[in-house]
Protein backbone atom coordinates (compact mmCIF):
# COMPACT_ATOMS: atom_id res chain seq x y z
CA UNK A 1 -5.70 0.65 24.43
CA UNK A 2 -4.36 4.21 25.00
CA UNK A 3 -2.53 5.99 22.20
CA UNK A 4 1.19 5.23 21.89
CA UNK A 5 3.56 7.76 23.42
CA UNK A 6 5.52 9.69 20.80
CA UNK A 7 9.17 10.39 21.62
CA UNK A 8 11.96 11.87 19.50
CA UNK A 9 15.55 10.75 20.11
CA UNK A 10 18.89 12.16 18.99
CA UNK A 11 21.38 9.30 18.97
CA UNK A 12 24.93 10.62 19.15
CA UNK A 13 27.94 8.97 17.51
CA UNK A 14 31.28 9.70 15.88
CA UNK A 15 30.63 9.35 12.16
CA UNK A 16 32.34 6.59 10.16
CA UNK A 17 31.40 8.14 6.82
CA UNK A 18 34.60 9.32 5.09
CA UNK A 19 33.12 12.75 4.31
CA UNK A 20 32.76 13.62 8.03
CA UNK A 21 34.86 10.90 9.63
CA UNK A 22 34.99 11.03 13.43
CA UNK A 23 32.88 14.18 13.55
CA UNK A 24 30.09 14.12 16.17
CA UNK A 25 26.68 13.66 14.55
CA UNK A 26 23.15 12.85 15.69
CA UNK A 27 20.87 10.29 14.08
CA UNK A 28 17.19 11.16 14.36
CA UNK A 29 15.08 8.29 15.73
CA UNK A 30 11.33 8.45 16.30
CA UNK A 31 9.73 6.20 18.91
CA UNK A 32 6.11 5.16 19.41
CA UNK A 33 5.95 3.50 22.79
CA UNK A 34 2.87 1.30 22.84
CA UNK A 35 3.80 -0.65 25.96
CA UNK A 36 0.56 -1.23 27.94
CA UNK A 37 0.27 0.89 31.11
CA UNK A 38 3.76 2.25 30.54
CA UNK A 39 5.32 -0.81 32.17
CA UNK A 40 9.03 -0.76 31.34
CA UNK A 41 9.34 -4.45 32.21
CA UNK A 42 7.18 -5.54 29.27
CA UNK A 43 8.66 -3.53 26.40
CA UNK A 44 8.80 -5.31 23.04
CA UNK A 45 11.24 -3.22 20.97
CA UNK A 46 10.97 -3.07 17.17
CA UNK A 47 13.42 -1.18 14.94
CA UNK A 48 12.42 -0.09 11.41
CA UNK A 49 14.99 0.83 8.73
CA UNK A 50 14.34 2.53 5.39
CA UNK A 51 15.73 1.56 2.01
CA UNK A 52 17.72 3.47 -0.59
CA UNK A 53 15.63 6.50 -1.46
CA UNK A 54 12.60 6.98 0.81
CA UNK A 55 12.92 8.72 4.18
CA UNK A 56 11.98 6.48 7.09
CA UNK A 57 9.01 8.51 8.31
CA UNK A 58 7.48 8.72 4.83
CA UNK A 59 7.76 4.95 4.47
CA UNK A 60 6.83 3.77 7.95
CA UNK A 61 4.83 6.63 9.49
CA UNK A 62 2.67 8.19 6.76
CA UNK A 63 -0.03 9.78 8.90
CA UNK A 64 -2.49 11.27 9.24
CA UNK A 65 -4.10 10.36 5.92
CA UNK A 66 -7.76 11.44 5.69
CA UNK A 67 -10.57 9.24 4.41
CA UNK A 68 -10.44 6.42 6.95
CA UNK A 69 -8.26 5.44 9.86
CA UNK A 70 -5.70 8.23 10.13
CA UNK A 71 -2.90 5.72 10.78
CA UNK A 72 -3.79 3.13 8.14
CA UNK A 73 -0.53 3.87 6.29
CA UNK A 74 1.60 4.15 9.44
CA UNK A 75 3.13 0.74 9.97
CA UNK A 76 4.94 2.12 13.01
CA UNK A 77 1.84 3.44 14.77
CA UNK A 78 -0.19 0.34 13.93
CA UNK A 79 2.45 -1.87 15.58
CA UNK A 80 2.66 0.47 18.58
CA UNK A 81 -1.11 0.30 19.00
CA UNK A 82 -0.67 -3.48 19.23
CA UNK A 83 1.63 -3.05 22.24
CA UNK A 84 5.10 -2.73 20.72
CA UNK A 85 7.77 -0.13 21.39
CA UNK A 86 8.57 0.96 17.83
CA UNK A 87 11.66 2.90 16.72
CA UNK A 88 12.05 4.41 13.24
CA UNK A 89 15.55 5.50 12.18
CA UNK A 90 17.21 7.38 9.32
CA UNK A 91 20.81 6.64 8.35
CA UNK A 92 23.07 9.52 7.42
CA UNK A 93 22.30 10.72 3.91
CA UNK A 94 18.54 10.14 4.24
CA UNK A 95 15.55 11.66 5.95
CA UNK A 96 16.10 13.75 9.05
CA UNK A 97 19.64 12.55 9.80
CA UNK A 98 22.74 14.50 8.66
CA UNK A 99 23.53 14.67 4.95
CA UNK A 100 27.23 15.61 4.70
CA UNK A 101 28.29 17.11 1.34
CA UNK A 102 24.70 16.90 0.07
CA UNK A 103 23.74 20.57 0.41
CA UNK A 104 25.92 21.30 -2.64
CA UNK A 105 23.84 20.49 -5.76
CA UNK A 106 27.06 19.96 -7.73
CA UNK A 107 27.57 16.80 -5.67
CA UNK A 108 24.50 15.22 -7.22
CA UNK A 109 24.65 12.36 -9.71
CA UNK A 110 25.80 14.09 -12.94
CA UNK A 111 23.31 12.04 -14.98
CA UNK A 112 20.44 13.44 -12.90
CA UNK A 113 21.43 17.10 -12.68
CA UNK A 114 19.95 18.29 -16.00
CA UNK A 115 16.66 16.48 -15.49
CA UNK A 116 16.10 17.25 -11.81
CA UNK A 117 18.15 20.28 -10.71
CA UNK A 118 17.95 22.61 -13.73
CA UNK A 119 16.74 25.40 -13.67
CA UNK A 120 16.84 25.48 -9.86
CA UNK A 121 19.08 25.32 -7.88
CA UNK A 122 21.37 24.95 -10.93
CA UNK A 123 21.14 27.07 -14.06
CA UNK A 124 23.08 24.36 -15.88
CA UNK A 125 24.78 21.07 -14.93
CA UNK A 126 28.04 21.40 -13.02
CA UNK A 127 31.27 20.56 -14.85
CA UNK A 128 32.93 17.33 -13.67
CA UNK A 129 34.27 16.20 -11.32
CA UNK A 130 31.95 16.82 -8.36
CA UNK A 131 33.43 18.78 -5.44
CA UNK A 132 33.29 15.53 -3.43
CA UNK A 133 33.97 12.80 -5.99
CA UNK A 134 33.14 9.78 -3.81
CA UNK A 135 30.15 7.80 -2.64
CA UNK A 136 28.78 8.95 0.72
CA UNK A 137 28.63 5.81 2.87
CA UNK A 138 29.47 2.13 2.78
CA UNK A 139 28.46 -1.08 4.49
CA UNK A 140 30.78 -0.60 7.46
CA UNK A 141 29.60 2.95 8.17
CA UNK A 142 25.94 1.90 7.95
CA UNK A 143 26.40 -1.25 10.08
CA UNK A 144 28.05 1.02 12.65
CA UNK A 145 25.11 3.46 12.62
CA UNK A 146 22.60 0.63 12.92
CA UNK A 147 24.54 -0.91 15.80
CA UNK A 148 24.75 2.45 17.58
CA UNK A 149 20.96 2.78 17.46
CA UNK A 150 20.51 -0.85 18.55
CA UNK A 151 22.73 -0.28 21.59
CA UNK A 152 20.96 3.00 22.37
CA UNK A 153 17.59 1.20 22.39
CA UNK A 154 18.92 -1.69 24.48
CA UNK A 155 20.07 0.79 27.16
CA UNK A 156 16.58 2.27 27.54
CA UNK A 157 14.57 1.00 30.53
CA UNK A 158 12.89 -2.31 29.73
CA UNK A 159 14.48 -2.70 26.30
CA UNK A 160 17.55 -4.76 27.23
CA UNK A 161 16.49 -7.68 25.07
CA UNK A 162 16.95 -8.75 21.43
CA UNK A 163 15.17 -6.40 19.02
CA UNK A 164 12.76 -7.30 16.23
CA UNK A 165 14.04 -5.83 12.94
CA UNK A 166 11.90 -4.55 10.07
CA UNK A 167 13.64 -3.45 6.86
CA UNK A 168 12.23 -2.28 3.55
CA UNK A 169 13.87 -2.62 0.13
CA UNK A 170 17.61 -1.84 0.26
CA UNK A 171 17.36 -1.81 4.04
CA UNK A 172 18.09 -5.53 3.58
CA UNK A 173 21.65 -4.62 2.51
CA UNK A 174 22.20 -3.15 5.97
CA UNK A 175 20.07 -5.27 8.30
CA UNK A 176 20.81 -8.63 6.65
CA UNK A 177 24.61 -8.66 7.05
CA UNK A 178 24.26 -6.99 10.46
CA UNK A 179 22.12 -9.89 11.69
CA UNK A 180 24.75 -12.35 10.42
CA UNK A 181 27.33 -10.58 12.57
CA UNK A 182 25.19 -9.85 15.65
CA UNK A 183 22.43 -12.48 15.92
CA UNK A 184 22.43 -12.20 19.72
CA UNK A 185 21.00 -8.68 19.41
CA UNK A 186 18.14 -9.55 17.03
CA UNK A 187 14.93 -11.41 17.88
CA UNK A 188 13.55 -11.70 14.34
CA UNK A 189 13.96 -10.18 10.89
CA UNK A 190 11.09 -8.94 8.72
CA UNK A 191 11.96 -7.82 5.19
CA UNK A 192 9.52 -6.05 2.87
CA UNK A 193 10.49 -6.16 -0.82
CA UNK A 194 14.13 -6.94 0.07
CA UNK A 195 16.75 -6.12 -2.52
CA UNK A 196 19.01 -9.16 -2.82
CA UNK A 197 21.71 -9.76 -5.48
CA UNK A 198 22.55 -13.49 -5.46
CA UNK A 199 25.96 -12.72 -6.98
CA UNK A 200 26.52 -9.49 -5.09
CA UNK A 201 29.77 -8.06 -3.75
CA UNK A 202 31.67 -9.89 -1.04
CA UNK A 203 33.75 -6.97 0.16
CA UNK A 204 34.56 -3.31 -0.20
CA UNK A 205 37.98 -4.10 -1.60
CA UNK A 206 38.13 -2.22 -4.95
CA UNK A 207 40.73 -4.68 -6.27
CA UNK A 208 38.58 -7.73 -5.65
CA UNK A 209 34.92 -6.98 -4.87
CA UNK A 210 33.88 -10.44 -6.07
CA UNK A 211 36.64 -12.41 -4.36
CA UNK A 212 35.33 -15.57 -2.71
CA UNK A 213 36.82 -16.61 0.65
CA UNK A 214 38.14 -20.15 0.98
CA UNK A 215 34.98 -21.22 2.80
CA UNK A 216 31.82 -20.56 0.82
CA UNK A 217 29.54 -19.76 3.75
CA UNK A 218 31.25 -17.02 5.70
CA UNK A 219 30.59 -13.64 7.19
CA UNK A 220 30.86 -10.46 5.10
CA UNK A 221 34.40 -9.30 4.51
CA UNK A 222 35.11 -5.85 5.92
CA UNK A 223 37.73 -3.87 4.04
CA UNK A 224 38.10 -0.20 3.08
CA UNK A 225 35.40 0.61 0.58
CA UNK A 226 36.17 1.84 -2.90
CA UNK A 227 35.45 5.52 -3.41
CA UNK A 228 33.78 6.56 -6.62
CA UNK A 229 31.58 9.04 -8.38
CA UNK A 230 29.39 11.27 -6.24
CA UNK A 231 27.68 11.26 -2.83
CA UNK A 232 24.09 12.08 -3.74
CA UNK A 233 21.25 10.94 -5.97
CA UNK A 234 18.30 13.21 -6.68
CA UNK A 235 14.77 12.48 -7.89
CA UNK A 236 11.87 14.63 -9.02
CA UNK A 237 8.25 14.56 -7.91
CA UNK A 238 7.15 13.47 -11.40
CA UNK A 239 9.78 10.73 -11.49
CA UNK A 240 8.69 9.47 -8.09
CA UNK A 241 5.10 9.02 -9.26
CA UNK A 242 6.09 7.41 -12.55
CA UNK A 243 8.41 5.02 -10.73
CA UNK A 244 5.70 3.45 -8.58
CA UNK A 245 5.04 -0.07 -9.84
CA UNK A 246 2.26 -2.51 -8.96
CA UNK A 247 -1.46 -2.29 -9.69
CA UNK A 248 -2.59 1.38 -9.53
CA UNK A 249 -6.00 0.17 -8.33
CA UNK A 250 -4.33 -0.70 -5.01
CA UNK A 251 -3.44 2.96 -4.41
CA UNK A 252 -5.94 5.44 -3.02
CA UNK A 253 -6.27 8.65 -5.07
CA UNK A 254 -3.65 11.16 -3.97
CA UNK A 255 -1.61 8.79 -1.81
CA UNK A 256 1.49 9.51 -3.92
CA UNK A 257 1.18 13.20 -3.04
CA UNK A 258 0.93 12.44 0.67
CA UNK A 259 4.04 10.26 0.42
CA UNK A 260 5.97 12.92 -1.50
CA UNK A 261 5.05 15.66 0.96
CA UNK A 262 6.17 13.41 3.82
CA UNK A 263 9.56 13.00 2.13
CA UNK A 264 9.81 16.77 1.71
CA UNK A 265 8.94 17.26 5.38
CA UNK A 266 12.10 15.28 6.20
CA UNK A 267 14.36 17.49 4.06
CA UNK A 268 14.56 21.25 4.67
CA UNK A 269 16.98 21.73 1.76
CA UNK A 270 15.62 19.41 -0.93
CA UNK A 271 12.08 20.65 -0.36
CA UNK A 272 13.22 24.10 -1.56
CA UNK A 273 14.75 22.82 -4.82
CA UNK A 274 13.06 21.91 -8.10
CA UNK A 275 10.64 23.75 -10.39
CA UNK A 276 8.50 26.58 -9.02
CA UNK A 277 4.84 25.59 -8.65
CA UNK A 278 3.68 29.03 -7.52
CA UNK A 279 5.43 32.14 -6.21
CA UNK A 280 7.71 30.98 -3.38
CA UNK A 281 6.60 27.34 -3.60
CA UNK A 282 8.74 24.66 -5.26
CA UNK A 283 8.01 21.05 -6.13
CA UNK A 284 10.95 19.81 -4.11
CA UNK A 285 13.66 17.25 -4.89
CA UNK A 286 14.23 13.91 -3.19
CA UNK A 287 17.87 13.77 -2.04
CA UNK A 288 19.29 10.41 -0.98
CA UNK A 289 22.70 8.92 -0.35
CA UNK A 290 24.86 7.08 -2.84
CA UNK A 291 26.41 4.22 -0.89
CA UNK A 292 28.56 1.14 -1.49
CA UNK A 293 27.25 -2.15 -0.06
CA UNK A 294 28.74 -5.60 0.21
CA UNK A 295 28.33 -8.86 2.16
CA UNK A 296 24.79 -9.75 1.01
CA UNK A 297 24.72 -12.64 -1.48
CA UNK A 298 23.80 -16.30 -1.88
CA UNK A 299 26.99 -17.44 -0.11
CA UNK A 300 26.95 -15.14 2.92
CA UNK A 301 23.23 -15.58 3.68
CA UNK A 302 23.55 -19.33 4.60
CA UNK A 303 26.21 -18.52 7.21
CA UNK A 304 26.34 -20.90 10.19
CA UNK A 305 27.77 -19.96 13.58
CA UNK A 306 30.64 -22.01 15.07
CA UNK A 307 28.11 -24.37 16.66
CA UNK A 308 26.82 -25.28 13.21
CA UNK A 309 23.52 -23.43 13.57
CA UNK A 310 22.28 -21.30 10.70
CA UNK A 311 21.90 -17.66 11.71
CA UNK A 312 19.12 -16.63 9.32
CA UNK A 313 16.07 -18.85 9.62
CA UNK A 314 17.29 -20.61 12.77
CA UNK A 315 18.96 -18.38 15.33
CA UNK A 316 16.94 -15.47 13.86
CA UNK A 317 13.55 -16.32 12.24
CA UNK A 318 12.88 -14.51 8.97
CA UNK A 319 9.66 -13.23 7.38
CA UNK A 320 9.77 -11.99 3.77
CA UNK A 321 6.94 -10.15 2.02
CA UNK A 322 6.98 -8.83 -1.54
CA UNK A 323 4.62 -7.77 -4.29
CA UNK A 324 3.78 -9.86 -7.34
CA UNK A 325 4.45 -6.86 -9.61
CA UNK A 326 7.57 -5.59 -7.85
CA UNK A 327 9.98 -4.64 -10.63
CA UNK A 328 12.63 -3.20 -8.31
CA UNK A 329 13.32 -6.16 -6.01
CA UNK A 330 12.98 -8.65 -8.87
CA UNK A 331 14.92 -8.06 -12.07
CA UNK A 332 15.46 -10.12 -15.19
CA UNK A 333 18.23 -12.76 -15.28
CA UNK A 334 20.03 -11.07 -18.18
CA UNK A 335 21.14 -7.99 -16.21
CA UNK A 336 24.68 -7.73 -14.72
CA UNK A 337 25.25 -9.59 -11.42
CA UNK A 338 25.26 -6.48 -9.22
CA UNK A 339 21.78 -5.46 -10.35
CA UNK A 340 20.28 -8.92 -10.74
CA UNK A 341 17.86 -8.92 -7.80
CA UNK A 342 15.59 -11.77 -6.71
CA UNK A 343 13.42 -12.09 -3.61
CA UNK A 344 12.80 -15.85 -4.14
CA UNK A 345 16.58 -16.33 -4.39
CA UNK A 346 16.95 -14.80 -0.93
CA UNK A 347 14.36 -17.21 0.46
CA UNK A 348 16.19 -20.14 -1.10
CA UNK A 349 19.57 -18.98 0.24
CA UNK A 350 18.36 -18.87 3.86
CA UNK A 351 19.50 -22.16 5.36
CA UNK A 352 17.47 -22.32 8.56
CA UNK A 353 13.94 -23.80 8.66
CA UNK A 354 12.20 -20.79 10.24
CA UNK A 355 11.75 -18.82 7.04
CA UNK A 356 8.39 -17.69 5.74
CA UNK A 357 7.65 -15.79 2.51
CA UNK A 358 4.50 -14.27 1.01
CA UNK A 359 3.98 -12.87 -2.48
CA UNK A 360 1.05 -10.42 -2.58
CA UNK A 361 -1.16 -10.40 -5.68
CA UNK A 362 -1.05 -7.13 -7.61
CA UNK A 363 1.27 -5.35 -5.18
CA UNK A 364 4.44 -3.52 -6.15
CA UNK A 365 7.58 -2.36 -4.43
CA UNK A 366 5.80 0.26 -2.32
CA UNK A 367 3.22 -1.82 -0.49
CA UNK A 368 3.49 0.61 2.43
CA UNK A 369 1.37 3.05 0.39
CA UNK A 370 -1.08 0.52 -1.08
CA UNK A 371 -4.40 -0.62 0.32
CA UNK A 372 -2.58 -3.91 0.94
CA UNK A 373 -0.73 -2.09 3.73
CA UNK A 374 -3.48 -3.02 6.17
CA UNK A 375 -2.99 -6.72 5.45
CA UNK A 376 0.77 -6.20 5.76
CA UNK A 377 0.31 -4.64 9.20
CA UNK A 378 -1.87 -7.54 10.34
CA UNK A 379 0.68 -10.07 9.12
CA UNK A 380 3.46 -8.14 10.84
CA UNK A 381 1.60 -8.13 14.16
CA UNK A 382 1.07 -11.89 13.98
CA UNK A 383 4.73 -12.44 13.24
CA UNK A 384 5.95 -10.25 16.11
CA UNK A 385 3.66 -12.04 18.54
CA UNK A 386 4.25 -15.68 17.58
CA UNK A 387 6.84 -15.80 14.77
CA UNK A 388 3.94 -17.25 12.81
CA UNK A 389 1.55 -15.89 10.17
CA UNK A 390 -1.79 -17.61 9.67
CA UNK A 391 -0.38 -20.36 11.89
CA UNK A 392 2.58 -20.89 9.54
CA UNK A 393 6.25 -20.82 10.52
CA UNK A 394 7.84 -21.80 7.22
CA UNK A 395 7.19 -22.08 3.49
CA UNK A 396 6.50 -19.67 0.63
CA UNK A 397 3.00 -18.69 -0.47
CA UNK A 398 1.12 -16.61 -3.01
CA UNK A 399 -1.56 -14.48 -1.35
CA UNK A 400 -4.47 -13.51 -3.62
CA UNK A 401 -6.67 -10.43 -3.26
CA UNK A 402 -9.07 -12.30 -0.98
CA UNK A 403 -6.31 -13.52 1.33
CA UNK A 404 -6.29 -17.12 0.09
CA UNK A 405 -2.84 -18.73 0.20
CA UNK A 406 -1.33 -21.01 -2.46
CA UNK A 407 2.01 -22.75 -1.73
CA UNK A 408 4.87 -21.73 -3.98
CA UNK A 409 7.34 -24.43 -2.94
């Protein structure tokens, strides 16, 4: 099969983020068109969305990596080589898309300034409050950005069909509720290490974020989001490496450095911050949005449409994959509700029968950069082709290092 065609898109919209509300912005979207023979009639569109802190290209398109297949850590290119038309997007506040208010280091999380931004670009932490004392985005602004990209893709020749979604980590906060609201636009939903709070917020109403509607299973409630704190989080290179969970034996030597450099390649400003490594060269700082999400919990997920059909797992089949040692998407039961995360709880909350979940032995939250990534890509290709993996359409399974499956339910 010929190599996929690389295209770069600038998707225009009027921003719904309060910091630059109604200003014209462009979201950066990368496409790998793997449609055989360039036939527009046979396009199979796939849209990939990042999580909270990792730029989309670093997570989904880490290539080339020497020492084997150059694209072995590029989920996007591997899917395109299998004949899909793959799109990789960054929301505002991450990656190559606009980052309003985030060029000012004083707008960083005050708790992170001393550790990450001193001595450069700050000589000392900024006195409170931040110049922009609010979070950057919210669920409504991010659903709007996702929908804008979806509609842009659907208007391209041959792509006027439901799109297969792939989301990693906190990308579930955006893609999950979006699917509940727009199932007609989505063909299937794949979630890698999805962050899911069973008792999470229902709405953006600051007076009642936990208010339960009269009917338990209902769509997310859209109200003006509470504004708080600061717009930007920052992380250091050392903190990034320390924060990787899972079995280190599943990571090739140096893969963390490739991933970090890819994140820096998506940030012209953050890559010039941080400690000096050599004259004129800095370690870089990972800048990512602080946002306010709602509408993703154990009561919204089972939502049924007016015809009585479950959206997730019925109207839209769902594949969930997570690592056995993932400490970010699975937290202990004693933590507060907003940060009590559980992947199995998401699987249980999905009401429809077409739900399939795999727990990978030894893997952590960042399977995209583990040797298990190749198995993940294979599983993803099977799912996109048949909505099956290993001939299975439903159930939860533990996958050992040799690929053997053991039922979990």
